[in-house]
C-alpha atoms as a PDB file:
ATOM      1  CA  MET A   1      15.410  45.586 -16.957  1.00  0.00           C
ATOM      2  CA  TYR A   2      16.748  42.720 -14.852  1.00  0.00           C
ATOM      3  CA  ARG A   3      19.176  45.089 -13.127  1.00  0.00           C
ATOM      4  CA  THR A   4      16.343  47.292 -11.936  1.00  0.00           C
ATOM      5  CA  LEU A   5      14.633  44.437 -10.069  1.00  0.00           C
ATOM      6  CA  SER A   6      14.909  44.070  -6.328  1.00  0.00           C
ATOM      7  CA  ILE A   7      16.652  41.070  -4.751  1.00  0.00           C
ATOM      8  CA  ARG A   8      13.262  39.521  -3.934  1.00  0.00           C
ATOM      9  CA  GLN A   9      12.061  39.946  -7.523  1.00  0.00           C
ATOM     10  CA  LYS A  10      15.304  38.461  -8.869  1.00  0.00           C
ATOM     11  CA  GLN A  11      14.817  35.419  -6.618  1.00  0.00           C
ATOM     12  CA  ILE A  12      11.305  34.970  -8.030  1.00  0.00           C
ATOM     13  CA  VAL A  13      12.611  35.222 -11.601  1.00  0.00           C
ATOM     14  CA  TRP A  14      15.290  32.606 -10.930  1.00  0.00           C
ATOM     15  CA  ALA A  15      12.774  30.351  -9.193  1.00  0.00           C
ATOM     16  CA  TYR A  16      10.416  30.439 -12.185  1.00  0.00           C
ATOM     17  CA  GLY A  17      13.388  29.981 -14.504  1.00  0.00           C
ATOM     18  CA  PHE A  18      14.351  26.744 -12.768  1.00  0.00           C
ATOM     19  CA  LEU A  19      10.705  25.607 -12.632  1.00  0.00           C
ATOM     20  CA  ALA A  20       9.980  26.417 -16.282  1.00  0.00           C
ATOM     21  CA  LEU A  21      11.444  23.211 -17.737  1.00  0.00           C
ATOM     22  CA  PRO A  22       9.761  20.794 -15.270  1.00  0.00           C
ATOM     23  CA  LEU A  23       6.444  22.648 -15.682  1.00  0.00           C
ATOM     24  CA  LEU A  24       6.758  22.506 -19.463  1.00  0.00           C
ATOM     25  CA  PHE A  25       7.618  18.821 -19.337  1.00  0.00           C
ATOM     26  CA  TYR A  26       4.721  18.072 -16.966  1.00  0.00           C
ATOM     27  CA  GLY A  27       2.329  20.050 -19.148  1.00  0.00           C
ATOM     28  CA  ILE A  28       3.344  18.173 -22.296  1.00  0.00           C
ATOM     29  CA  ILE A  29       3.328  14.757 -20.624  1.00  0.00           C
ATOM     30  CA  ARG A  30       0.205  15.194 -18.466  1.00  0.00           C
ATOM     31  CA  PHE A  31      -2.075  18.062 -19.376  1.00  0.00           C
ATOM     32  CA  TYR A  32      -1.870  17.875 -23.166  1.00  0.00           C
ATOM     33  CA  PRO A  33      -2.649  14.107 -23.411  1.00  0.00           C
ATOM     34  CA  THR A  34      -5.475  14.523 -20.883  1.00  0.00           C
ATOM     35  CA  GLY A  35      -7.041  17.380 -22.815  1.00  0.00           C
ATOM     36  CA  ASN A  36      -6.538  15.553 -26.107  1.00  0.00           C
ATOM     37  CA  ALA A  37      -8.218  12.412 -24.731  1.00  0.00           C
ATOM     38  CA  ILE A  38     -11.231  14.459 -23.620  1.00  0.00           C
ATOM     39  CA  LEU A  39     -11.431  15.999 -27.097  1.00  0.00           C
ATOM     40  CA  ILE A  40     -11.165  12.611 -28.855  1.00  0.00           C
ATOM     41  CA  SER A  41     -13.991  11.263 -26.660  1.00  0.00           C
ATOM     42  CA  PHE A  42     -16.341  13.586 -28.584  1.00  0.00           C
ATOM     43  CA  GLN A  43     -15.049  12.391 -31.949  1.00  0.00           C
ATOM     44  CA  ASN A  44     -14.940   9.297 -34.164  1.00  0.00           C
ATOM     45  CA  TRP A  45     -11.432   8.189 -35.110  1.00  0.00           C
ATOM     46  CA  ASN A  46      -9.897   4.861 -36.180  1.00  0.00           C
ATOM     47  CA  LEU A  47      -6.220   5.988 -36.017  1.00  0.00           C
ATOM     48  CA  LEU A  48      -5.921   6.093 -39.832  1.00  0.00           C
ATOM     49  CA  GLY A  49      -8.654   8.369 -41.124  1.00  0.00           C
ATOM     50  CA  ASP A  50      -9.639  11.883 -40.199  1.00  0.00           C
ATOM     51  CA  ARG A  51     -11.370  12.726 -36.963  1.00  0.00           C
ATOM     52  CA  THR A  52     -15.057  13.513 -37.265  1.00  0.00           C
ATOM     53  CA  TRP A  53     -17.175  15.215 -34.647  1.00  0.00           C
ATOM     54  CA  ALA A  54     -19.571  12.847 -32.855  1.00  0.00           C
ATOM     55  CA  GLY A  55     -20.790  14.944 -29.945  1.00  0.00           C
ATOM     56  CA  LEU A  56     -22.144  12.792 -27.112  1.00  0.00           C
ATOM     57  CA  GLU A  57     -22.485   9.715 -29.323  1.00  0.00           C
ATOM     58  CA  ASN A  58     -19.648   7.816 -27.622  1.00  0.00           C
ATOM     59  CA  TYR A  59     -21.010   8.531 -24.150  1.00  0.00           C
ATOM     60  CA  ILE A  60     -24.526   7.482 -25.162  1.00  0.00           C
ATOM     61  CA  LYS A  61     -23.078   4.279 -26.599  1.00  0.00           C
ATOM     62  CA  LEU A  62     -21.212   3.744 -23.345  1.00  0.00           C
ATOM     63  CA  TRP A  63     -24.368   4.245 -21.280  1.00  0.00           C
ATOM     64  CA  ASN A  64     -26.246   1.644 -23.339  1.00  0.00           C
ATOM     65  CA  ASP A  65     -23.393  -0.891 -23.486  1.00  0.00           C
ATOM     66  CA  PRO A  66     -24.073  -3.892 -21.158  1.00  0.00           C
ATOM     67  CA  VAL A  67     -20.438  -4.986 -21.425  1.00  0.00           C
ATOM     68  CA  PHE A  68     -19.315  -1.633 -20.052  1.00  0.00           C
ATOM     69  CA  TRP A  69     -21.532  -1.991 -16.978  1.00  0.00           C
ATOM     70  CA  LYS A  70     -20.231  -5.521 -16.404  1.00  0.00           C
ATOM     71  CA  VAL A  71     -16.658  -4.254 -16.678  1.00  0.00           C
ATOM     72  CA  PHE A  72     -17.496  -1.257 -14.478  1.00  0.00           C
ATOM     73  CA  ALA A  73     -18.816  -3.618 -11.788  1.00  0.00           C
ATOM     74  CA  ASN A  74     -15.689  -5.811 -12.085  1.00  0.00           C
ATOM     75  CA  THR A  75     -13.479  -2.774 -11.581  1.00  0.00           C
ATOM     76  CA  PHE A  76     -15.241  -1.862  -8.347  1.00  0.00           C
ATOM     77  CA  ILE A  77     -15.118  -5.482  -7.159  1.00  0.00           C
ATOM     78  CA  TYR A  78     -11.331  -5.348  -7.539  1.00  0.00           C
ATOM     79  CA  LEU A  79     -11.368  -2.123  -5.526  1.00  0.00           C
ATOM     80  CA  LEU A  80     -13.785  -3.203  -2.782  1.00  0.00           C
ATOM     81  CA  LEU A  81     -12.112  -6.586  -2.253  1.00  0.00           C
ATOM     82  CA  GLY A  82      -8.483  -5.820  -2.981  1.00  0.00           C
ATOM     83  CA  THR A  83      -8.028  -2.624  -0.964  1.00  0.00           C
ATOM     84  CA  PRO A  84      -9.307  -3.813   2.460  1.00  0.00           C
ATOM     85  CA  ILE A  85      -7.746  -7.278   2.108  1.00  0.00           C
ATOM     86  CA  SER A  86      -4.329  -5.878   1.221  1.00  0.00           C
ATOM     87  CA  LEU A  87      -4.623  -3.184   3.916  1.00  0.00           C
ATOM     88  CA  VAL A  88      -5.428  -5.653   6.713  1.00  0.00           C
ATOM     89  CA  LEU A  89      -2.865  -8.255   5.628  1.00  0.00           C
ATOM     90  CA  SER A  90      -0.062  -5.736   5.195  1.00  0.00           C
ATOM     91  CA  PHE A  91      -0.755  -4.157   8.590  1.00  0.00           C
ATOM     92  CA  ILE A  92      -0.846  -7.509  10.405  1.00  0.00           C
ATOM     93  CA  ILE A  93       2.423  -8.606   8.799  1.00  0.00           C
ATOM     94  CA  ALA A  94       4.109  -5.230   9.395  1.00  0.00           C
ATOM     95  CA  TYR A  95       2.902  -5.081  13.018  1.00  0.00           C
ATOM     96  CA  HIS A  96       4.373  -8.482  13.881  1.00  0.00           C
ATOM     97  CA  LEU A  97       7.461  -8.071  11.713  1.00  0.00           C
ATOM     98  CA  ASP A  98       8.260  -4.800  13.474  1.00  0.00           C
ATOM     99  CA  GLN A  99       8.441  -6.665  16.797  1.00  0.00           C
ATOM    100  CA  LEU A 100      10.714  -9.359  15.354  1.00  0.00           C
ATOM    101  CA  ARG A 101      14.453  -8.951  15.709  1.00  0.00           C
ATOM    102  CA  PHE A 102      15.795 -12.281  14.411  1.00  0.00           C
ATOM    103  CA  LEU A 103      16.234 -12.209  10.599  1.00  0.00           C
ATOM    104  CA  HIS A 104      14.237  -8.982  10.502  1.00  0.00           C
ATOM    105  CA  GLY A 105      16.014  -7.492   7.479  1.00  0.00           C
ATOM    106  CA  PHE A 106      15.954 -10.765   5.548  1.00  0.00           C
ATOM    107  CA  LEU A 107      12.232 -11.308   6.078  1.00  0.00           C
ATOM    108  CA  ARG A 108      11.480  -7.709   5.147  1.00  0.00           C
ATOM    109  CA  MET A 109      13.424  -8.221   1.927  1.00  0.00           C
ATOM    110  CA  LEU A 110      11.449 -11.392   1.138  1.00  0.00           C
ATOM    111  CA  TYR A 111       8.138  -9.595   1.580  1.00  0.00           C
ATOM    112  CA  PHE A 112       9.295  -6.706  -0.616  1.00  0.00           C
ATOM    113  CA  LEU A 113      10.666  -8.959  -3.376  1.00  0.00           C
ATOM    114  CA  PRO A 114       7.303  -9.566  -5.171  1.00  0.00           C
ATOM    115  CA  PHE A 115       6.801  -5.802  -5.508  1.00  0.00           C
ATOM    116  CA  MET A 116      10.082  -5.568  -7.428  1.00  0.00           C
ATOM    117  CA  THR A 117       9.266  -8.553  -9.648  1.00  0.00           C
ATOM    118  CA  SER A 118       7.871  -8.017 -13.136  1.00  0.00           C
ATOM    119  CA  ALA A 119       4.073  -8.168 -13.080  1.00  0.00           C
ATOM    120  CA  VAL A 120       4.120 -10.087 -16.372  1.00  0.00           C
ATOM    121  CA  ALA A 121       6.453 -12.795 -15.055  1.00  0.00           C
ATOM    122  CA  MET A 122       4.493 -13.021 -11.819  1.00  0.00           C
ATOM    123  CA  ALA A 123       1.186 -13.362 -13.669  1.00  0.00           C
ATOM    124  CA  TRP A 124       2.500 -16.209 -15.809  1.00  0.00           C
ATOM    125  CA  VAL A 125       3.860 -18.039 -12.760  1.00  0.00           C
ATOM    126  CA  TRP A 126       0.505 -17.779 -11.038  1.00  0.00           C
ATOM    127  CA  ARG A 127      -1.201 -18.849 -14.267  1.00  0.00           C
ATOM    128  CA  TRP A 128       0.920 -21.987 -14.144  1.00  0.00           C
ATOM    129  CA  PHE A 129      -0.129 -22.522 -10.515  1.00  0.00           C
ATOM    130  CA  TYR A 130      -3.789 -22.472 -11.586  1.00  0.00           C
ATOM    131  CA  GLN A 131      -3.476 -24.995 -14.430  1.00  0.00           C
ATOM    132  CA  PRO A 132      -5.337 -28.331 -14.166  1.00  0.00           C
ATOM    133  CA  VAL A 133      -3.669 -31.636 -13.296  1.00  0.00           C
ATOM    134  CA  PRO A 134      -0.903 -32.625 -13.989  1.00  0.00           C
ATOM    135  CA  THR A 135       0.537 -29.135 -14.682  1.00  0.00           C
ATOM    136  CA  GLY A 136      -0.911 -26.857 -12.036  1.00  0.00           C
ATOM    137  CA  LEU A 137       0.651 -26.702  -8.594  1.00  0.00           C
ATOM    138  CA  PHE A 138      -2.579 -26.001  -6.709  1.00  0.00           C
ATOM    139  CA  ASN A 139      -4.649 -28.680  -8.425  1.00  0.00           C
ATOM    140  CA  ASN A 140      -1.881 -31.245  -7.984  1.00  0.00           C
ATOM    141  CA  PHE A 141      -1.877 -30.479  -4.267  1.00  0.00           C
ATOM    142  CA  LEU A 142      -5.671 -30.798  -4.125  1.00  0.00           C
ATOM    143  CA  ALA A 143      -5.494 -34.109  -5.999  1.00  0.00           C
ATOM    144  CA  GLN A 144      -3.031 -35.465  -3.440  1.00  0.00           C
ATOM    145  CA  MET A 145      -5.448 -34.439  -0.690  1.00  0.00           C
ATOM    146  CA  GLY A 146      -8.272 -36.262  -2.452  1.00  0.00           C
ATOM    147  CA  VAL A 147     -10.095 -33.049  -3.384  1.00  0.00           C
ATOM    148  CA  SER A 148     -11.499 -32.582  -6.884  1.00  0.00           C
ATOM    149  CA  GLN A 149      -9.620 -30.039  -8.972  1.00  0.00           C
ATOM    150  CA  ILE A 150     -10.838 -26.445  -9.235  1.00  0.00           C
ATOM    151  CA  ASN A 151     -11.304 -24.634 -12.508  1.00  0.00           C
ATOM    152  CA  PHE A 152      -9.635 -21.388 -11.486  1.00  0.00           C
ATOM    153  CA  LEU A 153      -9.331 -19.252 -14.617  1.00  0.00           C
ATOM    154  CA  ASN A 154     -12.158 -20.657 -16.746  1.00  0.00           C
ATOM    155  CA  SER A 155     -14.963 -20.241 -14.245  1.00  0.00           C
ATOM    156  CA  THR A 156     -17.173 -17.167 -14.000  1.00  0.00           C
ATOM    157  CA  THR A 157     -17.144 -17.437 -10.198  1.00  0.00           C
ATOM    158  CA  ASN A 158     -13.509 -18.405  -9.575  1.00  0.00           C
ATOM    159  CA  ALA A 159     -11.701 -16.374 -12.230  1.00  0.00           C
ATOM    160  CA  LEU A 160     -11.897 -12.938 -10.603  1.00  0.00           C
ATOM    161  CA  PRO A 161     -10.697 -14.073  -7.128  1.00  0.00           C
ATOM    162  CA  ALA A 162      -7.976 -16.118  -8.823  1.00  0.00           C
ATOM    163  CA  VAL A 163      -6.714 -13.018 -10.655  1.00  0.00           C
ATOM    164  CA  LEU A 164      -7.123 -10.784  -7.607  1.00  0.00           C
ATOM    165  CA  ALA A 165      -5.014 -13.019  -5.321  1.00  0.00           C
ATOM    166  CA  PRO A 166      -1.651 -12.452  -7.090  1.00  0.00           C
ATOM    167  CA  ALA A 167      -2.467  -8.741  -7.482  1.00  0.00           C
ATOM    168  CA  VAL A 168      -2.921  -8.431  -3.717  1.00  0.00           C
ATOM    169  CA  TRP A 169       0.188 -10.522  -3.062  1.00  0.00           C
ATOM    170  CA  ALA A 170       2.277  -8.398  -5.436  1.00  0.00           C
ATOM    171  CA  GLY A 171       1.462  -5.153  -3.626  1.00  0.00           C
ATOM    172  CA  LEU A 172       1.873  -6.402  -0.053  1.00  0.00           C
ATOM    173  CA  GLY A 173       5.615  -5.767   0.086  1.00  0.00           C
ATOM    174  CA  PHE A 174       5.332  -2.047  -0.624  1.00  0.00           C
ATOM    175  CA  GLN A 175       2.501  -1.588   1.858  1.00  0.00           C
ATOM    176  CA  ILE A 176       4.386  -3.525   4.545  1.00  0.00           C
ATOM    177  CA  ILE A 177       7.425  -1.262   4.158  1.00  0.00           C
ATOM    178  CA  ILE A 178       5.242   1.863   4.398  1.00  0.00           C
ATOM    179  CA  PHE A 179       3.424   0.530   7.465  1.00  0.00           C
ATOM    180  CA  MET A 180       6.738  -0.324   9.146  1.00  0.00           C
ATOM    181  CA  ALA A 181       8.011   3.185   8.476  1.00  0.00           C
ATOM    182  CA  GLY A 182       4.859   4.549  10.103  1.00  0.00           C
ATOM    183  CA  LEU A 183       5.232   2.231  13.097  1.00  0.00           C
ATOM    184  CA  ARG A 184       8.864   3.235  13.575  1.00  0.00           C
ATOM    185  CA  ALA A 185       7.834   6.919  13.554  1.00  0.00           C
ATOM    186  CA  ILE A 186       5.578   6.492  16.612  1.00  0.00           C
ATOM    187  CA  PRO A 187       7.469   7.647  19.751  1.00  0.00           C
ATOM    188  CA  LYS A 188       8.275   4.756  22.086  1.00  0.00           C
ATOM    189  CA  SER A 189       7.435   6.949  25.082  1.00  0.00           C
ATOM    190  CA  TYR A 190       3.712   6.516  24.324  1.00  0.00           C
ATOM    191  CA  TYR A 191       3.989   2.756  24.630  1.00  0.00           C
ATOM    192  CA  GLU A 192       6.137   2.965  27.741  1.00  0.00           C
ATOM    193  CA  ALA A 193       3.635   5.253  29.467  1.00  0.00           C
ATOM    194  CA  ALA A 194       0.756   2.962  28.510  1.00  0.00           C
ATOM    195  CA  ARG A 195       2.531  -0.109  29.896  1.00  0.00           C
ATOM    196  CA  ILE A 196       3.330   1.676  33.144  1.00  0.00           C
ATOM    197  CA  ASP A 197      -0.396   2.439  33.478  1.00  0.00           C
ATOM    198  CA  GLY A 198      -1.177  -1.244  32.915  1.00  0.00           C
ATOM    199  CA  VAL A 199      -2.925  -0.765  29.558  1.00  0.00           C
ATOM    200  CA  GLY A 200      -3.469  -3.975  27.562  1.00  0.00           C
ATOM    201  CA  TRP A 201      -2.075  -4.583  24.084  1.00  0.00           C
ATOM    202  CA  TRP A 202      -5.478  -4.271  22.415  1.00  0.00           C
ATOM    203  CA  THR A 203      -6.092  -0.835  23.944  1.00  0.00           C
ATOM    204  CA  ILE A 204      -2.575   0.229  22.959  1.00  0.00           C
ATOM    205  CA  LEU A 205      -3.232  -0.927  19.395  1.00  0.00           C
ATOM    206  CA  TRP A 206      -6.652   0.723  19.154  1.00  0.00           C
ATOM    207  CA  GLU A 207      -5.985   3.944  21.061  1.00  0.00           C
ATOM    208  CA  ILE A 208      -2.323   4.671  20.238  1.00  0.00           C
ATOM    209  CA  THR A 209      -1.013   2.758  17.220  1.00  0.00           C
ATOM    210  CA  LEU A 210      -3.924   3.053  14.792  1.00  0.00           C
ATOM    211  CA  PRO A 211      -4.708   6.763  15.448  1.00  0.00           C
ATOM    212  CA  LEU A 212      -1.052   7.709  15.010  1.00  0.00           C
ATOM    213  CA  LEU A 213      -0.889   5.603  11.839  1.00  0.00           C
ATOM    214  CA  LYS A 214      -3.781   7.488  10.247  1.00  0.00           C
ATOM    215  CA  PRO A 215      -1.638   9.466   7.747  1.00  0.00           C
ATOM    216  CA  THR A 216       0.043   6.209   6.709  1.00  0.00           C
ATOM    217  CA  ILE A 217      -3.303   4.447   6.358  1.00  0.00           C
ATOM    218  CA  VAL A 218      -4.690   7.302   4.240  1.00  0.00           C
ATOM    219  CA  PHE A 219      -1.717   7.119   1.882  1.00  0.00           C
ATOM    220  CA  ILE A 220      -1.895   3.326   1.536  1.00  0.00           C
ATOM    221  CA  VAL A 221      -5.675   3.306   1.004  1.00  0.00           C
ATOM    222  CA  VAL A 222      -5.519   5.943  -1.749  1.00  0.00           C
ATOM    223  CA  PHE A 223      -2.434   4.417  -3.390  1.00  0.00           C
ATOM    224  CA  SER A 224      -3.864   0.897  -3.256  1.00  0.00           C
ATOM    225  CA  SER A 225      -7.278   2.005  -4.523  1.00  0.00           C
ATOM    226  CA  ILE A 226      -5.751   3.689  -7.558  1.00  0.00           C
ATOM    227  CA  GLY A 227      -3.758   0.530  -8.248  1.00  0.00           C
ATOM    228  CA  PHE A 228      -6.809  -1.754  -8.139  1.00  0.00           C
ATOM    229  CA  LEU A 229      -8.913   0.612 -10.234  1.00  0.00           C
ATOM    230  CA  ARG A 230      -6.152   0.563 -12.849  1.00  0.00           C
ATOM    231  CA  ILE A 231      -5.444  -3.176 -12.674  1.00  0.00           C
ATOM    232  CA  PHE A 232      -4.360  -4.519 -16.067  1.00  0.00           C
ATOM    233  CA  ASP A 233      -1.134  -6.568 -16.167  1.00  0.00           C
ATOM    234  CA  HIS A 234      -2.329  -9.502 -14.072  1.00  0.00           C
ATOM    235  CA  VAL A 235      -5.687  -9.771 -15.838  1.00  0.00           C
ATOM    236  CA  PHE A 236      -4.240  -9.452 -19.340  1.00  0.00           C
ATOM    237  CA  ASN A 237      -1.462 -12.006 -18.849  1.00  0.00           C
ATOM    238  CA  MET A 238      -3.452 -14.531 -16.834  1.00  0.00           C
ATOM    239  CA  THR A 239      -6.324 -14.580 -19.368  1.00  0.00           C
ATOM    240  CA  THR A 240      -4.339 -14.278 -22.602  1.00  0.00           C
ATOM    241  CA  ASN A 241      -6.303 -17.004 -24.404  1.00  0.00           C
ATOM    242  CA  ASN A 242      -9.587 -15.352 -23.412  1.00  0.00           C
ATOM    243  CA  PRO A 243      -8.861 -11.702 -22.482  1.00  0.00           C
ATOM    244  CA  GLY A 244     -11.114 -10.676 -19.640  1.00  0.00           C
ATOM    245  CA  GLY A 245     -11.973 -14.225 -18.615  1.00  0.00           C
ATOM    246  CA  PRO A 246     -15.139 -16.185 -19.396  1.00  0.00           C
ATOM    247  CA  LEU A 247     -18.067 -13.844 -20.167  1.00  0.00           C
ATOM    248  CA  ASN A 248     -15.864 -10.850 -19.227  1.00  0.00           C
ATOM    249  CA  SER A 249     -15.923 -12.032 -15.605  1.00  0.00           C
ATOM    250  CA  THR A 250     -12.451 -10.641 -14.875  1.00  0.00           C
ATOM    251  CA  LYS A 251     -12.219  -7.769 -17.379  1.00  0.00           C
ATOM    252  CA  PRO A 252     -11.473  -4.383 -15.738  1.00  0.00           C
ATOM    253  CA  LEU A 253     -12.053  -0.999 -17.333  1.00  0.00           C
ATOM    254  CA  VAL A 254      -8.406  -0.555 -18.363  1.00  0.00           C
ATOM    255  CA  LEU A 255      -8.479  -3.820 -20.321  1.00  0.00           C
ATOM    256  CA  MET A 256     -11.698  -2.761 -22.035  1.00  0.00           C
ATOM    257  CA  ILE A 257     -10.043   0.517 -23.034  1.00  0.00           C
ATOM    258  CA  TYR A 258      -7.081  -1.434 -24.432  1.00  0.00           C
ATOM    259  CA  ASP A 259      -9.313  -3.796 -26.436  1.00  0.00           C
ATOM    260  CA  THR A 260     -11.474  -0.966 -27.769  1.00  0.00           C
ATOM    261  CA  ALA A 261      -8.501   1.132 -28.853  1.00  0.00           C
ATOM    262  CA  PHE A 262      -6.026  -1.449 -30.192  1.00  0.00           C
ATOM    263  CA  THR A 263      -8.295  -4.322 -31.225  1.00  0.00           C
ATOM    264  CA  GLY A 264     -11.413  -2.472 -32.343  1.00  0.00           C
ATOM    265  CA  TYR A 265      -9.527   0.705 -33.407  1.00  0.00           C
ATOM    266  CA  ASP A 266     -12.355   2.839 -32.032  1.00  0.00           C
ATOM    267  CA  MET A 267     -10.315   5.587 -30.435  1.00  0.00           C
ATOM    268  CA  GLY A 268     -13.268   7.870 -29.719  1.00  0.00           C
ATOM    269  CA  TYR A 269     -15.112   5.179 -27.755  1.00  0.00           C
ATOM    270  CA  ALA A 270     -11.892   4.212 -25.956  1.00  0.00           C
ATOM    271  CA  ALA A 271     -11.278   7.859 -25.058  1.00  0.00           C
ATOM    272  CA  ALA A 272     -14.793   8.104 -23.592  1.00  0.00           C
ATOM    273  CA  GLN A 273     -14.014   5.074 -21.427  1.00  0.00           C
ATOM    274  CA  THR A 274     -10.743   6.725 -20.396  1.00  0.00           C
ATOM    275  CA  VAL A 275     -12.572   9.874 -19.318  1.00  0.00           C
ATOM    276  CA  VAL A 276     -14.952   7.765 -17.224  1.00  0.00           C
ATOM    277  CA  LEU A 277     -11.993   5.985 -15.603  1.00  0.00           C
ATOM    278  CA  PHE A 278     -10.344   9.338 -14.871  1.00  0.00           C
ATOM    279  CA  LEU A 279     -13.516  10.636 -13.222  1.00  0.00           C
ATOM    280  CA  VAL A 280     -13.846   7.442 -11.171  1.00  0.00           C
ATOM    281  CA  LEU A 281     -10.219   7.681 -10.004  1.00  0.00           C
ATOM    282  CA  LEU A 282     -10.641  11.348  -9.129  1.00  0.00           C
ATOM    283  CA  THR A 283     -13.935  10.806  -7.285  1.00  0.00           C
ATOM    284  CA  VAL A 284     -12.742   7.785  -5.298  1.00  0.00           C
ATOM    285  CA  SER A 285      -9.481   9.498  -4.311  1.00  0.00           C
ATOM    286  CA  LEU A 286     -11.203  12.721  -3.200  1.00  0.00           C
ATOM    287  CA  LEU A 287     -13.868  10.798  -1.242  1.00  0.00           C
ATOM    288  CA  GLN A 288     -11.241   8.726   0.539  1.00  0.00           C
ATOM    289  CA  LEU A 289      -9.180  11.788   1.384  1.00  0.00           C
ATOM    290  CA  ARG A 290     -12.270  13.555   2.702  1.00  0.00           C
ATOM    291  CA  ILE A 291     -13.446  10.588   4.792  1.00  0.00           C
ATOM    292  CA  LEU A 292     -10.038   9.660   6.184  1.00  0.00           C
ATOM    293  CA  ARG A 293      -8.551  13.115   6.690  1.00  0.00           C
ATOM    294  CA  ASP A 294      -7.897  14.474  10.191  1.00  0.00           C
ATOM    295  CA  ARG A 295     -10.768  16.462  11.588  1.00  0.00           C
END
């Protein structure tokens, strides 16, 4: 039968033959767990016993759970604060670093280093920074300045910003590298023509640089948003003694899913939370792509 195929048909057969293994692997790793999680969200299961059908019980429980709404709000606070702050800081650093020639490669490496560092190790270092006197670096510095020490991780108002700061800092390096790649891709002739016409630097930035960086900005915004919506490592390791901070003030949705599944052993309820997180990630990503796409 293969011999009777045309050259074009044989090429298609070989193409699907080479794609079969990656597609099978992707289906097993991605689609099957996703479908299974959706199924479990309609069931009751404690990992040991049999699964029993629960219908919408887990989703009704989720709707009436005040802790879930607190955690849901925390997750969006991470998103709404972390994404714009990291975007602006990374662009400012990349914009000025791109114009620097002395020690350019070394400084770029220093900015990228936190992104390559283990999130667990980084979280514990920052946790040490936040400790009270005489252990914590920040409070020791404040004490030397005559300022009363700040309760960073055990305060309902300070805990979330304290956890968010190292998360933003950890992702800056990657975003700086991406921004610099986008800046280097802009043809120099545009800038030369603008300078010949006597255009100021602000107009060049606003009318040339930022519009041509739009694809880069879209990628960074979507990538960063997904990261902040899925934040876990920094929160978990910086609030180990009290996971989620005081009164769940720092707990994101991923940490709630972890606690529900592996502390409460309520896999059905955890799966319902996972489905909600998936829908939030999908909705936020599609909205951002729609708003920021080229018209």
